[in-house]
Amino acid sequence: MLSKNQEEFTKKVVIWTDKIFSIKLCKFFFIENHKICIYEEGERKEFPITDGLPSLAINLKKPIIIPDVSNSTSFNPRIDSFSIMPVYLSPIYKLKDNQDEQDEIIAVIEMVMKQRTKTKIEGEKIFMDDDHHFSIDDPLQNLFKQFG
């Protein structure tokens, strides 16, 4: 799945999230120059890295589930999806060229979960591996490489 630009890539991530997980509400945030960047409707929107729910996943450096975004002090309606359902966020790391490189977060994905009752199961079994990192297969990881 090659993309011409970040906006096209974001659209493809949203489509594949729907196809794979049947999740209709998904946002993809690029991390560029220590800022959260959203590409949509032909423009690039930039926010401080401390804004919104993506900042939690960035600071914790691991996936998180927010059960109720309306009670989260990090929620920012200019960035985040509002939902009464839980919201799952996961940092996406750049692949290391060698062991000496530090982990670098290049993006964050935000998905509104379909059901409250499945949140724990989906969070633990579908999205996270044994090390509690976002699990994606090699072909999908290679897609993220081009924007890293």
N, C-alpha and C. Protein backbone atom coordinates (compact mmCIF):
# COMPACT_ATOMS: atom_id res chain seq x y z
N MET A 1 0.85 -1.17 0.00
CA MET A 1 0.00 0.00 0.00
C MET A 1 0.90 1.24 0.00
N LEU A 2 1.28 1.68 -1.17
CA LEU A 2 2.09 2.88 -1.29
C LEU A 2 1.19 4.10 -1.30
N SER A 3 1.71 5.19 -0.77
CA SER A 3 0.95 6.44 -0.70
C SER A 3 1.79 7.57 -1.25
N LYS A 4 1.12 8.51 -1.90
CA LYS A 4 1.80 9.67 -2.48
C LYS A 4 2.18 10.69 -1.41
N ASN A 5 1.36 10.76 -0.35
CA ASN A 5 1.60 11.75 0.70
C ASN A 5 0.97 11.29 2.00
N GLN A 6 1.14 12.07 3.05
CA GLN A 6 0.65 11.71 4.38
C GLN A 6 -0.88 11.64 4.43
N GLU A 7 -1.56 12.54 3.71
CA GLU A 7 -3.02 12.52 3.74
C GLU A 7 -3.57 11.24 3.11
N GLU A 8 -3.00 10.85 1.99
CA GLU A 8 -3.44 9.62 1.34
C GLU A 8 -3.13 8.41 2.23
N PHE A 9 -1.97 8.43 2.88
CA PHE A 9 -1.60 7.35 3.80
C PHE A 9 -2.60 7.27 4.95
N THR A 10 -2.97 8.43 5.51
CA THR A 10 -3.94 8.47 6.61
C THR A 10 -5.27 7.86 6.17
N LYS A 11 -5.73 8.21 5.00
CA LYS A 11 -6.99 7.66 4.49
C LYS A 11 -6.92 6.14 4.36
N LYS A 12 -5.78 5.63 3.90
CA LYS A 12 -5.63 4.19 3.76
C LYS A 12 -5.59 3.50 5.12
N VAL A 13 -4.97 4.12 6.12
CA VAL A 13 -4.96 3.55 7.47
C VAL A 13 -6.39 3.45 7.99
N VAL A 14 -7.19 4.49 7.79
CA VAL A 14 -8.58 4.49 8.24
C VAL A 14 -9.38 3.39 7.53
N ILE A 15 -9.17 3.23 6.24
CA ILE A 15 -9.87 2.19 5.48
C ILE A 15 -9.49 0.81 5.98
N TRP A 16 -8.17 0.58 6.17
CA TRP A 16 -7.73 -0.73 6.64
C TRP A 16 -8.15 -1.01 8.07
N THR A 17 -8.23 0.01 8.91
CA THR A 17 -8.71 -0.18 10.28
C THR A 17 -10.16 -0.65 10.26
N ASP A 18 -10.94 -0.08 9.36
CA ASP A 18 -12.33 -0.49 9.21
C ASP A 18 -12.41 -1.92 8.68
N LYS A 19 -11.61 -2.24 7.66
CA LYS A 19 -11.65 -3.58 7.07
C LYS A 19 -11.19 -4.67 8.04
N ILE A 20 -10.12 -4.39 8.78
CA ILE A 20 -9.55 -5.40 9.66
C ILE A 20 -10.32 -5.52 10.98
N PHE A 21 -10.63 -4.38 11.61
CA PHE A 21 -11.23 -4.40 12.94
C PHE A 21 -12.68 -3.96 12.98
N SER A 22 -13.24 -3.55 11.83
CA SER A 22 -14.60 -2.99 11.76
C SER A 22 -14.75 -1.77 12.66
N ILE A 23 -13.69 -0.98 12.73
CA ILE A 23 -13.71 0.25 13.52
C ILE A 23 -13.88 1.41 12.55
N LYS A 24 -14.97 2.12 12.71
CA LYS A 24 -15.31 3.19 11.78
C LYS A 24 -14.63 4.52 12.12
N LEU A 25 -14.38 4.76 13.38
CA LEU A 25 -13.83 6.05 13.80
C LEU A 25 -12.37 5.87 14.21
N CYS A 26 -11.49 6.38 13.37
CA CYS A 26 -10.05 6.21 13.57
C CYS A 26 -9.35 7.48 13.12
N LYS A 27 -8.33 7.88 13.86
CA LYS A 27 -7.50 9.02 13.47
C LYS A 27 -6.04 8.58 13.50
N PHE A 28 -5.27 9.19 12.61
CA PHE A 28 -3.86 8.87 12.52
C PHE A 28 -3.08 10.18 12.64
N PHE A 29 -2.17 10.23 13.60
CA PHE A 29 -1.40 11.43 13.87
C PHE A 29 0.08 11.17 13.56
N PHE A 30 0.67 11.99 12.74
CA PHE A 30 2.11 11.92 12.49
C PHE A 30 2.81 12.76 13.55
N ILE A 31 4.00 12.34 13.97
CA ILE A 31 4.82 13.12 14.88
C ILE A 31 5.97 13.66 14.05
N GLU A 32 5.98 14.98 13.87
CA GLU A 32 6.99 15.63 13.04
C GLU A 32 7.54 16.85 13.77
N ASN A 33 8.84 16.90 13.91
CA ASN A 33 9.51 18.03 14.57
C ASN A 33 8.90 18.34 15.94
N HIS A 34 8.67 17.30 16.72
CA HIS A 34 8.12 17.41 18.07
C HIS A 34 6.74 18.07 18.08
N LYS A 35 5.96 17.81 17.05
CA LYS A 35 4.59 18.30 16.97
C LYS A 35 3.69 17.17 16.49
N ILE A 36 2.41 17.24 16.89
CA ILE A 36 1.40 16.31 16.41
C ILE A 36 0.82 16.91 15.13
N CYS A 37 0.86 16.15 14.05
CA CYS A 37 0.39 16.65 12.75
C CYS A 37 -0.73 15.78 12.22
N ILE A 38 -1.77 16.45 11.75
CA ILE A 38 -2.91 15.78 11.14
C ILE A 38 -2.99 16.26 9.70
N TYR A 39 -3.15 15.30 8.78
CA TYR A 39 -3.30 15.63 7.36
C TYR A 39 -4.71 15.26 6.94
N GLU A 40 -5.51 16.29 6.62
CA GLU A 40 -6.88 16.03 6.17
C GLU A 40 -7.39 17.21 5.36
N GLU A 41 -8.25 16.89 4.42
CA GLU A 41 -8.89 17.90 3.58
C GLU A 41 -7.87 18.83 2.92
N GLY A 42 -6.77 18.27 2.48
CA GLY A 42 -5.77 19.03 1.75
C GLY A 42 -4.91 19.96 2.57
N GLU A 43 -4.99 19.85 3.88
CA GLU A 43 -4.14 20.71 4.70
C GLU A 43 -3.49 19.95 5.84
N ARG A 44 -2.44 20.54 6.34
CA ARG A 44 -1.67 19.99 7.47
C ARG A 44 -2.00 20.82 8.69
N LYS A 45 -2.49 20.16 9.74
CA LYS A 45 -2.78 20.84 11.01
C LYS A 45 -1.74 20.41 12.02
N GLU A 46 -1.20 21.37 12.72
CA GLU A 46 -0.10 21.13 13.66
C GLU A 46 -0.54 21.51 15.07
N PHE A 47 -0.18 20.65 16.04
CA PHE A 47 -0.52 20.89 17.44
C PHE A 47 0.69 20.59 18.31
N PRO A 48 0.78 21.24 19.48
CA PRO A 48 1.89 20.91 20.39
C PRO A 48 1.85 19.43 20.78
N ILE A 49 3.00 18.86 21.00
CA ILE A 49 3.10 17.44 21.33
C ILE A 49 2.46 17.12 22.69
N THR A 50 2.14 18.14 23.45
CA THR A 50 1.51 17.96 24.76
C THR A 50 -0.02 18.02 24.69
N ASP A 51 -0.58 18.21 23.49
CA ASP A 51 -2.04 18.34 23.34
C ASP A 51 -2.72 17.01 23.05
N GLY A 52 -3.92 16.87 23.56
CA GLY A 52 -4.78 15.76 23.20
C GLY A 52 -4.37 14.42 23.76
N LEU A 53 -5.21 13.44 23.45
CA LEU A 53 -4.98 12.08 23.92
C LEU A 53 -3.71 11.45 23.34
N PRO A 54 -3.32 11.79 22.11
CA PRO A 54 -2.06 11.21 21.60
C PRO A 54 -0.87 11.51 22.51
N SER A 55 -0.90 12.63 23.20
CA SER A 55 0.21 12.98 24.09
C SER A 55 0.38 11.94 25.21
N LEU A 56 -0.72 11.33 25.64
CA LEU A 56 -0.63 10.30 26.68
C LEU A 56 0.13 9.07 26.17
N ALA A 57 -0.22 8.63 24.95
CA ALA A 57 0.48 7.46 24.38
C ALA A 57 1.95 7.78 24.12
N ILE A 58 2.23 9.03 23.73
CA ILE A 58 3.61 9.44 23.48
C ILE A 58 4.41 9.45 24.79
N ASN A 59 3.83 10.04 25.82
CA ASN A 59 4.54 10.13 27.11
C ASN A 59 4.71 8.77 27.78
N LEU A 60 3.68 7.93 27.72
CA LEU A 60 3.77 6.61 28.34
C LEU A 60 4.56 5.62 27.49
N LYS A 61 4.69 5.92 26.19
CA LYS A 61 5.41 5.07 25.24
C LYS A 61 4.83 3.66 25.16
N LYS A 62 3.50 3.60 25.29
CA LYS A 62 2.82 2.31 25.17
C LYS A 62 1.35 2.56 24.85
N PRO A 63 0.67 1.52 24.36
CA PRO A 63 -0.76 1.66 24.05
C PRO A 63 -1.57 1.90 25.32
N ILE A 64 -2.65 2.65 25.17
CA ILE A 64 -3.54 2.91 26.30
C ILE A 64 -4.99 2.89 25.83
N ILE A 65 -5.88 2.64 26.77
CA ILE A 65 -7.31 2.71 26.51
C ILE A 65 -7.88 3.74 27.47
N ILE A 66 -8.60 4.71 26.91
CA ILE A 66 -9.27 5.73 27.72
C ILE A 66 -10.74 5.32 27.78
N PRO A 67 -11.23 4.88 28.94
CA PRO A 67 -12.61 4.39 29.03
C PRO A 67 -13.66 5.48 28.76
N ASP A 68 -13.36 6.71 29.18
CA ASP A 68 -14.33 7.80 29.02
C ASP A 68 -13.56 9.09 28.72
N VAL A 69 -13.53 9.49 27.46
CA VAL A 69 -12.74 10.66 27.08
C VAL A 69 -13.27 11.95 27.70
N SER A 70 -14.56 11.98 28.03
CA SER A 70 -15.12 13.20 28.61
C SER A 70 -14.55 13.47 30.00
N ASN A 71 -14.03 12.46 30.66
CA ASN A 71 -13.41 12.63 31.98
C ASN A 71 -11.90 12.79 31.91
N SER A 72 -11.34 12.76 30.73
CA SER A 72 -9.89 12.88 30.59
C SER A 72 -9.49 14.34 30.47
N THR A 73 -8.55 14.76 31.30
CA THR A 73 -8.07 16.15 31.23
C THR A 73 -7.23 16.38 29.98
N SER A 74 -6.79 15.32 29.33
CA SER A 74 -5.99 15.45 28.11
C SER A 74 -6.84 15.58 26.85
N PHE A 75 -8.13 15.28 26.95
CA PHE A 75 -8.99 15.34 25.77
C PHE A 75 -9.01 16.75 25.19
N ASN A 76 -8.83 16.83 23.87
CA ASN A 76 -8.86 18.10 23.15
C ASN A 76 -9.76 17.92 21.93
N PRO A 77 -10.93 18.57 21.90
CA PRO A 77 -11.87 18.36 20.79
C PRO A 77 -11.31 18.80 19.43
N ARG A 78 -10.28 19.63 19.41
CA ARG A 78 -9.67 20.04 18.13
C ARG A 78 -8.85 18.92 17.52
N ILE A 79 -8.44 17.95 18.34
CA ILE A 79 -7.60 16.85 17.87
C ILE A 79 -8.32 15.51 17.94
N ASP A 80 -8.91 15.23 19.09
CA ASP A 80 -9.39 13.89 19.41
C ASP A 80 -10.79 13.60 18.91
N SER A 81 -11.06 12.29 18.80
CA SER A 81 -12.40 11.81 18.48
C SER A 81 -13.20 11.79 19.78
N PHE A 82 -14.42 12.34 19.74
CA PHE A 82 -15.26 12.26 20.92
C PHE A 82 -16.17 11.06 20.78
N SER A 83 -16.27 10.28 21.83
CA SER A 83 -17.12 9.11 21.83
C SER A 83 -17.50 8.75 23.25
N ILE A 84 -18.65 8.11 23.38
CA ILE A 84 -19.03 7.58 24.69
C ILE A 84 -18.40 6.20 24.89
N MET A 85 -17.84 5.66 23.81
CA MET A 85 -17.16 4.37 23.87
C MET A 85 -15.68 4.59 24.21
N PRO A 86 -15.01 3.57 24.70
CA PRO A 86 -13.58 3.70 25.00
C PRO A 86 -12.77 4.02 23.74
N VAL A 87 -11.67 4.73 23.95
CA VAL A 87 -10.77 5.09 22.85
C VAL A 87 -9.42 4.43 23.10
N TYR A 88 -8.92 3.76 22.06
CA TYR A 88 -7.64 3.07 22.12
C TYR A 88 -6.61 3.91 21.38
N LEU A 89 -5.45 4.13 21.98
CA LEU A 89 -4.36 4.86 21.35
C LEU A 89 -3.08 4.04 21.42
N SER A 90 -2.31 4.09 20.36
CA SER A 90 -1.05 3.37 20.36
C SER A 90 0.01 4.16 19.62
N PRO A 91 1.19 4.29 20.22
CA PRO A 91 2.30 4.89 19.49
C PRO A 91 2.80 3.93 18.42
N ILE A 92 3.32 4.47 17.34
CA ILE A 92 3.91 3.67 16.27
C ILE A 92 5.38 4.07 16.20
N TYR A 93 6.23 3.07 16.27
CA TYR A 93 7.67 3.32 16.33
C TYR A 93 8.33 3.14 14.97
N LYS A 94 9.36 3.92 14.74
CA LYS A 94 10.20 3.77 13.56
C LYS A 94 11.03 2.50 13.74
N LEU A 95 11.17 1.74 12.66
CA LEU A 95 12.02 0.57 12.73
C LEU A 95 13.46 0.99 12.90
N LYS A 96 14.17 0.32 13.79
CA LYS A 96 15.57 0.64 14.04
C LYS A 96 16.44 0.04 12.95
N ASP A 97 17.44 0.80 12.53
CA ASP A 97 18.42 0.27 11.59
C ASP A 97 19.47 -0.57 12.31
N ASN A 98 19.72 -0.21 13.59
CA ASN A 98 20.67 -0.98 14.40
C ASN A 98 20.27 -0.88 15.87
N GLN A 99 20.87 -1.70 16.68
CA GLN A 99 20.51 -1.78 18.10
C GLN A 99 20.89 -0.53 18.89
N ASP A 100 21.81 0.27 18.38
CA ASP A 100 22.27 1.45 19.11
C ASP A 100 21.27 2.61 19.03
N GLU A 101 20.36 2.57 18.08
CA GLU A 101 19.39 3.65 17.94
C GLU A 101 18.35 3.59 19.04
N GLN A 102 17.86 4.76 19.44
CA GLN A 102 16.79 4.82 20.43
C GLN A 102 15.45 4.65 19.73
N ASP A 103 14.46 4.16 20.48
CA ASP A 103 13.11 4.06 19.94
C ASP A 103 12.59 5.45 19.62
N GLU A 104 11.99 5.59 18.44
CA GLU A 104 11.46 6.89 18.03
C GLU A 104 10.00 6.71 17.62
N ILE A 105 9.11 7.45 18.29
CA ILE A 105 7.69 7.41 17.94
C ILE A 105 7.49 8.32 16.74
N ILE A 106 6.93 7.75 15.66
CA ILE A 106 6.72 8.53 14.44
C ILE A 106 5.25 8.83 14.17
N ALA A 107 4.37 8.16 14.94
CA ALA A 107 2.94 8.37 14.73
C ALA A 107 2.17 7.81 15.94
N VAL A 108 0.90 8.18 16.00
CA VAL A 108 -0.02 7.62 17.00
C VAL A 108 -1.32 7.32 16.27
N ILE A 109 -1.89 6.17 16.55
CA ILE A 109 -3.20 5.83 15.99
C ILE A 109 -4.22 5.88 17.12
N GLU A 110 -5.38 6.45 16.83
CA GLU A 110 -6.46 6.60 17.81
C GLU A 110 -7.70 5.93 17.23
N MET A 111 -8.25 4.95 17.95
CA MET A 111 -9.42 4.22 17.46
C MET A 111 -10.50 4.17 18.52
N VAL A 112 -11.73 4.43 18.11
CA VAL A 112 -12.86 4.31 19.01
C VAL A 112 -13.30 2.86 19.00
N MET A 113 -13.32 2.26 20.18
CA MET A 113 -13.67 0.85 20.31
C MET A 113 -15.16 0.66 20.03
N LYS A 114 -15.51 -0.52 19.53
CA LYS A 114 -16.90 -0.78 19.15
C LYS A 114 -17.80 -1.07 20.34
N GLN A 115 -17.28 -1.78 21.33
CA GLN A 115 -18.10 -2.18 22.47
C GLN A 115 -17.30 -2.08 23.75
N ARG A 116 -17.97 -1.65 24.79
CA ARG A 116 -17.31 -1.58 26.10
C ARG A 116 -16.95 -2.97 26.61
N THR A 117 -17.80 -3.94 26.40
CA THR A 117 -17.58 -5.27 26.96
C THR A 117 -16.36 -5.96 26.35
N LYS A 118 -15.99 -5.59 25.14
CA LYS A 118 -14.85 -6.23 24.50
C LYS A 118 -13.56 -5.45 24.67
N THR A 119 -13.61 -4.32 25.34
CA THR A 119 -12.44 -3.47 25.44
C THR A 119 -11.23 -4.20 26.00
N LYS A 120 -11.40 -4.90 27.10
CA LYS A 120 -10.26 -5.58 27.72
C LYS A 120 -9.73 -6.69 26.82
N ILE A 121 -10.62 -7.47 26.24
CA ILE A 121 -10.19 -8.57 25.37
C ILE A 121 -9.48 -8.01 24.14
N GLU A 122 -10.09 -7.01 23.49
CA GLU A 122 -9.47 -6.42 22.30
C GLU A 122 -8.13 -5.79 22.65
N GLY A 123 -8.08 -5.09 23.75
CA GLY A 123 -6.85 -4.41 24.15
C GLY A 123 -5.73 -5.38 24.45
N GLU A 124 -6.04 -6.48 25.06
CA GLU A 124 -5.00 -7.42 25.46
C GLU A 124 -4.67 -8.46 24.41
N LYS A 125 -5.65 -8.92 23.67
CA LYS A 125 -5.40 -10.03 22.75
C LYS A 125 -5.22 -9.61 21.30
N ILE A 126 -5.91 -8.61 20.86
CA ILE A 126 -5.83 -8.24 19.45
C ILE A 126 -4.72 -7.23 19.22
N PHE A 127 -4.65 -6.18 20.02
CA PHE A 127 -3.77 -5.07 19.73
C PHE A 127 -2.39 -5.18 20.32
N MET A 128 -2.22 -5.90 21.41
CA MET A 128 -0.92 -5.89 22.08
C MET A 128 -0.25 -7.25 22.02
N ASP A 129 1.06 -7.23 21.91
CA ASP A 129 1.81 -8.47 21.96
C ASP A 129 2.27 -8.69 23.41
N ASP A 130 3.13 -9.66 23.60
CA ASP A 130 3.58 -10.00 24.95
C ASP A 130 4.31 -8.86 25.64
N ASP A 131 4.95 -7.98 24.87
CA ASP A 131 5.68 -6.86 25.45
C ASP A 131 4.82 -5.61 25.58
N HIS A 132 3.51 -5.74 25.30
CA HIS A 132 2.57 -4.64 25.37
C HIS A 132 2.91 -3.53 24.37
N HIS A 133 3.38 -3.94 23.21
CA HIS A 133 3.59 -3.00 22.12
C HIS A 133 2.55 -3.29 21.05
N PHE A 134 2.26 -2.30 20.27
CA PHE A 134 1.29 -2.46 19.18
C PHE A 134 1.79 -3.54 18.24
N SER A 135 0.94 -4.47 17.92
CA SER A 135 1.34 -5.58 17.06
C SER A 135 0.85 -5.35 15.64
N ILE A 136 1.80 -5.20 14.73
CA ILE A 136 1.45 -5.13 13.33
C ILE A 136 2.41 -6.02 12.57
N ASP A 137 1.92 -6.59 11.49
CA ASP A 137 2.79 -7.50 10.75
C ASP A 137 3.81 -6.72 9.93
N ASP A 138 4.79 -7.44 9.40
CA ASP A 138 5.86 -6.81 8.65
C ASP A 138 5.39 -5.99 7.47
N PRO A 139 4.43 -6.46 6.64
CA PRO A 139 4.01 -5.62 5.51
C PRO A 139 3.45 -4.27 5.96
N LEU A 140 2.68 -4.25 7.06
CA LEU A 140 2.14 -2.98 7.53
C LEU A 140 3.22 -2.11 8.13
N GLN A 141 4.20 -2.72 8.81
CA GLN A 141 5.32 -1.95 9.34
C GLN A 141 6.07 -1.27 8.21
N ASN A 142 6.23 -1.96 7.11
CA ASN A 142 6.95 -1.37 5.97
C ASN A 142 6.23 -0.15 5.42
N LEU A 143 4.90 -0.12 5.54
CA LEU A 143 4.15 1.07 5.11
C LEU A 143 4.54 2.29 5.95
N PHE A 144 4.72 2.08 7.23
CA PHE A 144 5.05 3.19 8.11
C PHE A 144 6.47 3.69 7.89
N LYS A 145 7.32 2.84 7.32
CA LYS A 145 8.72 3.21 7.09
C LYS A 145 8.85 4.45 6.23
N GLN A 146 8.02 4.55 5.20
CA GLN A 146 8.21 5.62 4.23
C GLN A 146 7.97 7.01 4.82
N PHE A 147 7.30 7.11 5.96
CA PHE A 147 7.07 8.40 6.59
C PHE A 147 7.88 8.58 7.86
N GLY A 148 8.78 7.63 8.14
CA GLY A 148 9.58 7.67 9.36
C GLY A 148 10.79 8.53 9.24
